[in-house]
Amino acid sequence: MMMTQPPPKLVLYQKLGELFYAIAAADKVIRKAEIDTLSNLVKTHWKNLDALEDEFHSDASYQIEIVFDWLDDKQVNPDECFEDFKDFKKEHPNLFTTTIKKLIWKTADAIASSFAGKNKSELIMLAKLKMLLQENNKHI
């Protein structure tokens, strides 16, 4: 049986799960409010972005939550997750449209704000994300 690579757009959703986990876990604690915020934004914004489905014929946007939950369960280092996302963005810049970048920022900012405001580690992670999203164009 030959393994096929998932399409880059599907991998994008998985990498977004890593990114949003990194934002939520930046302060070493993932709170229910952060998970609820992510879940709500996936349902209200990411799900409507395109008609892409995963191999189980679920909306691909749910990959964001699946990966987030898996990383949370495994207690993965948030900095490694951020670097994985950064590498993916560099390899696939064409996937990062203005619409996608704005939605990434909106989601990351909402997660960081969802519990008692943003703390220092989340602010640092958000600053790194903003710089990453602004590469090659200056507005998000």
N, C-alpha and C. Protein backbone atom coordinates (compact mmCIF):
# COMPACT_ATOMS: atom_id res chain seq x y z
N MET A 1 0.85 -1.18 0.00
CA MET A 1 0.00 0.00 0.00
C MET A 1 0.89 1.24 0.00
N MET A 2 0.63 2.12 -0.93
CA MET A 2 1.44 3.33 -1.01
C MET A 2 0.80 4.45 -0.19
N MET A 3 1.61 5.08 0.65
CA MET A 3 1.11 6.20 1.44
C MET A 3 1.15 7.46 0.58
N THR A 4 0.08 8.20 0.61
CA THR A 4 0.06 9.44 -0.14
C THR A 4 0.13 10.61 0.82
N GLN A 5 0.77 11.65 0.39
CA GLN A 5 0.87 12.86 1.20
C GLN A 5 -0.48 13.57 1.17
N PRO A 6 -0.96 14.03 2.33
CA PRO A 6 -2.19 14.81 2.29
C PRO A 6 -1.94 16.13 1.55
N PRO A 7 -2.98 16.69 0.94
CA PRO A 7 -2.77 17.95 0.22
C PRO A 7 -2.29 19.04 1.18
N PRO A 8 -1.44 19.96 0.70
CA PRO A 8 -0.92 21.02 1.58
C PRO A 8 -2.02 21.79 2.31
N LYS A 9 -3.17 21.97 1.68
CA LYS A 9 -4.25 22.72 2.33
C LYS A 9 -4.76 21.98 3.57
N LEU A 10 -4.83 20.64 3.50
CA LEU A 10 -5.23 19.86 4.67
C LEU A 10 -4.16 19.96 5.75
N VAL A 11 -2.91 19.89 5.35
CA VAL A 11 -1.80 20.03 6.31
C VAL A 11 -1.85 21.41 6.96
N LEU A 12 -2.27 22.42 6.20
CA LEU A 12 -2.40 23.77 6.76
C LEU A 12 -3.28 23.74 8.00
N TYR A 13 -4.41 23.07 7.93
CA TYR A 13 -5.31 23.01 9.08
C TYR A 13 -4.64 22.32 10.27
N GLN A 14 -3.85 21.29 9.99
CA GLN A 14 -3.14 20.59 11.06
C GLN A 14 -2.09 21.53 11.68
N LYS A 15 -1.39 22.27 10.84
CA LYS A 15 -0.37 23.21 11.34
C LYS A 15 -1.02 24.36 12.11
N LEU A 16 -2.23 24.75 11.72
CA LEU A 16 -2.95 25.76 12.49
C LEU A 16 -3.30 25.24 13.88
N GLY A 17 -3.62 23.96 13.96
CA GLY A 17 -3.84 23.34 15.28
C GLY A 17 -2.60 23.46 16.14
N GLU A 18 -1.42 23.25 15.51
CA GLU A 18 -0.15 23.41 16.24
C GLU A 18 0.05 24.85 16.69
N LEU A 19 -0.21 25.78 15.78
CA LEU A 19 -0.02 27.19 16.10
C LEU A 19 -0.93 27.61 17.26
N PHE A 20 -2.20 27.28 17.16
CA PHE A 20 -3.14 27.73 18.19
C PHE A 20 -2.86 27.04 19.53
N TYR A 21 -2.38 25.80 19.47
CA TYR A 21 -1.92 25.14 20.69
C TYR A 21 -0.74 25.91 21.29
N ALA A 22 0.20 26.31 20.44
CA ALA A 22 1.38 27.05 20.91
C ALA A 22 0.97 28.34 21.62
N ILE A 23 -0.01 29.04 21.05
CA ILE A 23 -0.49 30.28 21.67
C ILE A 23 -1.13 29.97 23.03
N ALA A 24 -2.01 28.98 23.06
CA ALA A 24 -2.72 28.64 24.30
C ALA A 24 -1.76 28.09 25.36
N ALA A 25 -0.75 27.35 24.93
CA ALA A 25 0.17 26.69 25.87
C ALA A 25 1.39 27.55 26.21
N ALA A 26 1.48 28.75 25.65
CA ALA A 26 2.64 29.61 25.87
C ALA A 26 2.90 29.85 27.35
N ASP A 27 1.81 29.93 28.12
CA ASP A 27 1.94 30.17 29.56
C ASP A 27 1.94 28.87 30.36
N LYS A 28 2.11 27.74 29.68
CA LYS A 28 2.21 26.40 30.28
C LYS A 28 0.88 25.85 30.80
N VAL A 29 -0.21 26.60 30.62
CA VAL A 29 -1.52 26.14 31.09
C VAL A 29 -2.55 26.38 29.99
N ILE A 30 -3.26 25.34 29.61
CA ILE A 30 -4.36 25.51 28.65
C ILE A 30 -5.66 25.47 29.45
N ARG A 31 -6.42 26.53 29.30
CA ARG A 31 -7.65 26.66 30.07
C ARG A 31 -8.86 26.36 29.20
N LYS A 32 -9.95 25.96 29.86
CA LYS A 32 -11.19 25.63 29.15
C LYS A 32 -11.65 26.80 28.28
N ALA A 33 -11.49 28.02 28.77
CA ALA A 33 -11.91 29.20 28.00
C ALA A 33 -11.16 29.28 26.67
N GLU A 34 -9.88 28.89 26.67
CA GLU A 34 -9.09 28.92 25.43
C GLU A 34 -9.58 27.86 24.45
N ILE A 35 -9.87 26.68 24.97
CA ILE A 35 -10.38 25.59 24.13
C ILE A 35 -11.75 25.96 23.55
N ASP A 36 -12.61 26.53 24.41
CA ASP A 36 -13.95 26.94 23.96
C ASP A 36 -13.88 28.02 22.88
N THR A 37 -12.96 28.97 23.05
CA THR A 37 -12.78 30.04 22.06
C THR A 37 -12.35 29.45 20.73
N LEU A 38 -11.38 28.54 20.76
CA LEU A 38 -10.92 27.90 19.53
C LEU A 38 -12.06 27.15 18.86
N SER A 39 -12.77 26.34 19.62
CA SER A 39 -13.86 25.55 19.08
C SER A 39 -14.92 26.44 18.43
N ASN A 40 -15.26 27.52 19.09
CA ASN A 40 -16.25 28.45 18.57
C ASN A 40 -15.78 29.08 17.25
N LEU A 41 -14.51 29.50 17.20
CA LEU A 41 -13.99 30.13 15.98
C LEU A 41 -13.87 29.14 14.83
N VAL A 42 -13.55 27.89 15.13
CA VAL A 42 -13.51 26.86 14.07
C VAL A 42 -14.91 26.72 13.47
N LYS A 43 -15.92 26.64 14.34
CA LYS A 43 -17.30 26.46 13.85
C LYS A 43 -17.81 27.69 13.10
N THR A 44 -17.49 28.90 13.60
CA THR A 44 -18.09 30.10 13.03
C THR A 44 -17.28 30.71 11.88
N HIS A 45 -15.98 30.45 11.81
CA HIS A 45 -15.16 31.09 10.78
C HIS A 45 -14.41 30.10 9.89
N TRP A 46 -13.64 29.20 10.51
CA TRP A 46 -12.79 28.30 9.71
C TRP A 46 -13.61 27.31 8.89
N LYS A 47 -14.71 26.81 9.45
CA LYS A 47 -15.51 25.80 8.76
C LYS A 47 -16.07 26.35 7.44
N ASN A 48 -16.33 27.65 7.39
CA ASN A 48 -16.94 28.25 6.20
C ASN A 48 -15.92 28.69 5.16
N LEU A 49 -14.66 28.49 5.44
CA LEU A 49 -13.60 29.00 4.57
C LEU A 49 -13.56 28.29 3.21
N ASP A 50 -13.67 26.98 3.23
CA ASP A 50 -13.68 26.23 1.96
C ASP A 50 -14.38 24.90 2.17
N ALA A 51 -14.50 24.13 1.11
CA ALA A 51 -15.24 22.86 1.17
C ALA A 51 -14.32 21.66 1.33
N LEU A 52 -13.06 21.89 1.70
CA LEU A 52 -12.09 20.81 1.82
C LEU A 52 -12.51 19.84 2.92
N GLU A 53 -12.37 18.54 2.62
CA GLU A 53 -12.68 17.50 3.60
C GLU A 53 -11.42 16.69 3.88
N ASP A 54 -11.36 16.10 5.09
CA ASP A 54 -10.25 15.21 5.40
C ASP A 54 -10.60 13.81 4.90
N GLU A 55 -9.71 12.83 5.21
CA GLU A 55 -9.93 11.48 4.68
C GLU A 55 -11.17 10.81 5.27
N PHE A 56 -11.73 11.37 6.34
CA PHE A 56 -12.93 10.82 6.94
C PHE A 56 -14.18 11.57 6.49
N HIS A 57 -14.01 12.45 5.50
CA HIS A 57 -15.10 13.25 4.93
C HIS A 57 -15.71 14.21 5.96
N SER A 58 -14.90 14.62 6.92
CA SER A 58 -15.29 15.69 7.84
C SER A 58 -14.72 16.98 7.28
N ASP A 59 -15.32 18.08 7.65
CA ASP A 59 -14.76 19.36 7.23
C ASP A 59 -13.32 19.44 7.73
N ALA A 60 -12.41 19.80 6.85
CA ALA A 60 -10.98 19.81 7.18
C ALA A 60 -10.65 20.74 8.34
N SER A 61 -11.48 21.75 8.54
CA SER A 61 -11.20 22.69 9.62
C SER A 61 -11.18 22.01 10.99
N TYR A 62 -11.89 20.89 11.12
CA TYR A 62 -11.88 20.19 12.41
C TYR A 62 -10.50 19.62 12.74
N GLN A 63 -9.62 19.51 11.72
CA GLN A 63 -8.24 19.09 11.97
C GLN A 63 -7.56 20.05 12.97
N ILE A 64 -7.97 21.31 12.94
CA ILE A 64 -7.39 22.29 13.86
C ILE A 64 -7.61 21.82 15.30
N GLU A 65 -8.84 21.47 15.63
CA GLU A 65 -9.16 21.04 17.00
C GLU A 65 -8.58 19.67 17.33
N ILE A 66 -8.59 18.77 16.37
CA ILE A 66 -8.07 17.42 16.60
C ILE A 66 -6.59 17.49 16.96
N VAL A 67 -5.83 18.25 16.17
CA VAL A 67 -4.39 18.39 16.43
C VAL A 67 -4.15 19.12 17.75
N PHE A 68 -4.90 20.19 17.98
CA PHE A 68 -4.79 20.95 19.23
C PHE A 68 -4.97 20.01 20.43
N ASP A 69 -6.05 19.23 20.41
CA ASP A 69 -6.35 18.32 21.53
C ASP A 69 -5.26 17.28 21.71
N TRP A 70 -4.75 16.73 20.61
CA TRP A 70 -3.70 15.72 20.67
C TRP A 70 -2.43 16.30 21.30
N LEU A 71 -2.06 17.50 20.87
CA LEU A 71 -0.85 18.15 21.41
C LEU A 71 -1.03 18.46 22.90
N ASP A 72 -2.24 18.90 23.25
CA ASP A 72 -2.53 19.19 24.66
C ASP A 72 -2.40 17.91 25.49
N ASP A 73 -2.94 16.82 24.97
CA ASP A 73 -2.88 15.54 25.66
C ASP A 73 -1.42 15.09 25.85
N LYS A 74 -0.57 15.33 24.85
CA LYS A 74 0.83 14.91 24.88
C LYS A 74 1.74 15.93 25.56
N GLN A 75 1.18 17.11 25.89
CA GLN A 75 1.96 18.18 26.54
C GLN A 75 3.21 18.54 25.72
N VAL A 76 3.03 18.77 24.44
CA VAL A 76 4.13 19.08 23.52
C VAL A 76 4.63 20.50 23.80
N ASN A 77 5.92 20.72 23.56
CA ASN A 77 6.53 22.03 23.78
C ASN A 77 5.92 23.05 22.81
N PRO A 78 5.32 24.14 23.32
CA PRO A 78 4.66 25.12 22.44
C PRO A 78 5.64 25.80 21.48
N ASP A 79 6.89 26.01 21.88
CA ASP A 79 7.87 26.65 20.99
C ASP A 79 8.18 25.77 19.78
N GLU A 80 8.23 24.46 19.99
CA GLU A 80 8.44 23.53 18.86
C GLU A 80 7.27 23.58 17.89
N CYS A 81 6.08 23.67 18.45
CA CYS A 81 4.87 23.75 17.61
C CYS A 81 4.89 25.03 16.78
N PHE A 82 5.27 26.13 17.41
CA PHE A 82 5.33 27.41 16.68
C PHE A 82 6.35 27.32 15.55
N GLU A 83 7.52 26.72 15.83
CA GLU A 83 8.56 26.58 14.80
C GLU A 83 8.09 25.69 13.65
N ASP A 84 7.34 24.63 13.96
CA ASP A 84 6.78 23.76 12.91
C ASP A 84 5.85 24.56 12.00
N PHE A 85 5.00 25.38 12.62
CA PHE A 85 4.09 26.22 11.84
C PHE A 85 4.88 27.20 10.96
N LYS A 86 5.89 27.81 11.55
CA LYS A 86 6.72 28.78 10.84
C LYS A 86 7.39 28.13 9.61
N ASP A 87 7.92 26.92 9.80
CA ASP A 87 8.56 26.20 8.68
C ASP A 87 7.54 25.90 7.59
N PHE A 88 6.35 25.48 7.98
CA PHE A 88 5.31 25.17 7.00
C PHE A 88 4.94 26.42 6.20
N LYS A 89 4.81 27.54 6.89
CA LYS A 89 4.46 28.80 6.21
C LYS A 89 5.53 29.17 5.18
N LYS A 90 6.78 28.97 5.54
CA LYS A 90 7.88 29.28 4.60
C LYS A 90 7.86 28.36 3.39
N GLU A 91 7.45 27.10 3.59
CA GLU A 91 7.40 26.13 2.49
C GLU A 91 6.17 26.32 1.59
N HIS A 92 5.11 26.90 2.12
CA HIS A 92 3.84 27.03 1.38
C HIS A 92 3.28 28.45 1.49
N PRO A 93 4.04 29.46 1.08
CA PRO A 93 3.54 30.84 1.24
C PRO A 93 2.26 31.11 0.47
N ASN A 94 2.03 30.38 -0.61
CA ASN A 94 0.83 30.60 -1.44
C ASN A 94 -0.46 30.24 -0.71
N LEU A 95 -0.39 29.42 0.34
CA LEU A 95 -1.60 29.07 1.10
C LEU A 95 -2.03 30.20 2.03
N PHE A 96 -1.12 31.13 2.28
CA PHE A 96 -1.38 32.18 3.27
C PHE A 96 -1.89 33.45 2.60
N THR A 97 -3.15 33.39 2.20
CA THR A 97 -3.79 34.54 1.58
C THR A 97 -4.04 35.60 2.67
N THR A 98 -4.40 36.78 2.25
CA THR A 98 -4.72 37.84 3.21
C THR A 98 -5.87 37.39 4.12
N THR A 99 -6.88 36.75 3.55
CA THR A 99 -8.03 36.27 4.33
C THR A 99 -7.57 35.27 5.40
N ILE A 100 -6.75 34.31 4.99
CA ILE A 100 -6.25 33.29 5.93
C ILE A 100 -5.42 33.95 7.04
N LYS A 101 -4.55 34.88 6.65
CA LYS A 101 -3.69 35.53 7.65
C LYS A 101 -4.51 36.33 8.65
N LYS A 102 -5.53 37.01 8.18
CA LYS A 102 -6.39 37.79 9.09
C LYS A 102 -7.13 36.85 10.05
N LEU A 103 -7.59 35.72 9.53
CA LEU A 103 -8.31 34.77 10.37
C LEU A 103 -7.37 34.09 11.37
N ILE A 104 -6.15 33.81 10.95
CA ILE A 104 -5.14 33.26 11.87
C ILE A 104 -4.93 34.25 13.02
N TRP A 105 -4.74 35.52 12.67
CA TRP A 105 -4.49 36.53 13.69
C TRP A 105 -5.70 36.66 14.63
N LYS A 106 -6.88 36.72 14.05
CA LYS A 106 -8.11 36.87 14.86
C LYS A 106 -8.23 35.70 15.84
N THR A 107 -7.97 34.50 15.36
CA THR A 107 -8.09 33.30 16.21
C THR A 107 -7.03 33.29 17.31
N ALA A 108 -5.79 33.55 16.94
CA ALA A 108 -4.69 33.55 17.93
C ALA A 108 -4.92 34.62 18.99
N ASP A 109 -5.32 35.80 18.57
CA ASP A 109 -5.56 36.91 19.49
C ASP A 109 -6.73 36.58 20.42
N ALA A 110 -7.78 35.97 19.89
CA ALA A 110 -8.95 35.61 20.70
C ALA A 110 -8.60 34.54 21.74
N ILE A 111 -7.79 33.55 21.34
CA ILE A 111 -7.37 32.51 22.28
C ILE A 111 -6.57 33.14 23.42
N ALA A 112 -5.63 34.00 23.07
CA ALA A 112 -4.78 34.63 24.09
C ALA A 112 -5.59 35.55 25.01
N SER A 113 -6.65 36.13 24.51
CA SER A 113 -7.47 37.07 25.29
C SER A 113 -8.58 36.37 26.09
N SER A 114 -8.81 35.09 25.83
CA SER A 114 -10.00 34.43 26.35
C SER A 114 -9.97 34.19 27.85
N PHE A 115 -8.80 34.18 28.45
CA PHE A 115 -8.74 33.93 29.90
C PHE A 115 -7.92 35.03 30.56
N ALA A 116 -8.58 35.90 31.28
CA ALA A 116 -7.90 36.94 32.09
C ALA A 116 -6.88 37.75 31.29
N GLY A 117 -7.19 38.03 30.05
CA GLY A 117 -6.28 38.85 29.24
C GLY A 117 -5.01 38.10 28.85
N LYS A 118 -4.14 38.80 28.17
CA LYS A 118 -2.91 38.20 27.65
C LYS A 118 -1.78 38.34 28.66
N ASN A 119 -1.07 37.25 28.91
CA ASN A 119 0.09 37.34 29.79
C ASN A 119 1.36 37.51 28.95
N LYS A 120 2.48 37.68 29.61
CA LYS A 120 3.73 38.00 28.92
C LYS A 120 4.12 36.94 27.88
N SER A 121 4.03 35.66 28.24
CA SER A 121 4.45 34.61 27.30
C SER A 121 3.53 34.57 26.08
N GLU A 122 2.25 34.83 26.28
CA GLU A 122 1.33 34.87 25.13
C GLU A 122 1.61 36.10 24.26
N LEU A 123 1.92 37.22 24.90
CA LEU A 123 2.24 38.44 24.13
C LEU A 123 3.48 38.23 23.27
N ILE A 124 4.47 37.55 23.82
CA ILE A 124 5.70 37.27 23.06
C ILE A 124 5.38 36.39 21.86
N MET A 125 4.59 35.33 22.09
CA MET A 125 4.21 34.42 21.01
C MET A 125 3.38 35.16 19.95
N LEU A 126 2.46 36.02 20.38
CA LEU A 126 1.66 36.81 19.43
C LEU A 126 2.54 37.76 18.62
N ALA A 127 3.54 38.36 19.24
CA ALA A 127 4.44 39.27 18.53
C ALA A 127 5.21 38.50 17.45
N LYS A 128 5.67 37.29 17.79
CA LYS A 128 6.38 36.47 16.80
C LYS A 128 5.45 36.09 15.65
N LEU A 129 4.19 35.78 15.99
CA LEU A 129 3.21 35.43 14.95
C LEU A 129 2.94 36.63 14.05
N LYS A 130 2.77 37.80 14.64
CA LYS A 130 2.48 38.99 13.83
C LYS A 130 3.62 39.24 12.83
N MET A 131 4.85 39.12 13.30
CA MET A 131 6.00 39.31 12.39
C MET A 131 5.99 38.27 11.28
N LEU A 132 5.69 37.03 11.63
CA LEU A 132 5.65 35.95 10.65
C LEU A 132 4.56 36.20 9.60
N LEU A 133 3.40 36.63 10.05
CA LEU A 133 2.29 36.87 9.12
C LEU A 133 2.54 38.10 8.24
N GLN A 134 3.33 39.03 8.73
CA GLN A 134 3.59 40.26 7.96
C GLN A 134 4.73 40.11 6.97
N GLU A 135 5.47 38.98 7.03
CA GLU A 135 6.53 38.78 6.04
C GLU A 135 5.95 38.88 4.64
N ASN A 136 6.64 39.56 3.78
CA ASN A 136 6.26 39.71 2.36
C ASN A 136 5.09 40.66 2.11
N ASN A 137 4.38 41.06 3.16
CA ASN A 137 3.42 42.15 3.01
C ASN A 137 3.21 42.77 4.39
N LYS A 138 2.80 43.97 4.43
CA LYS A 138 2.87 44.71 5.68
C LYS A 138 1.53 44.91 6.38
N HIS A 139 0.50 44.21 5.97
CA HIS A 139 -0.78 44.44 6.66
C HIS A 139 -1.51 43.14 6.95
N ILE A 140 -1.96 43.03 8.18
CA ILE A 140 -2.92 41.96 8.52
C ILE A 140 -4.00 42.59 9.35
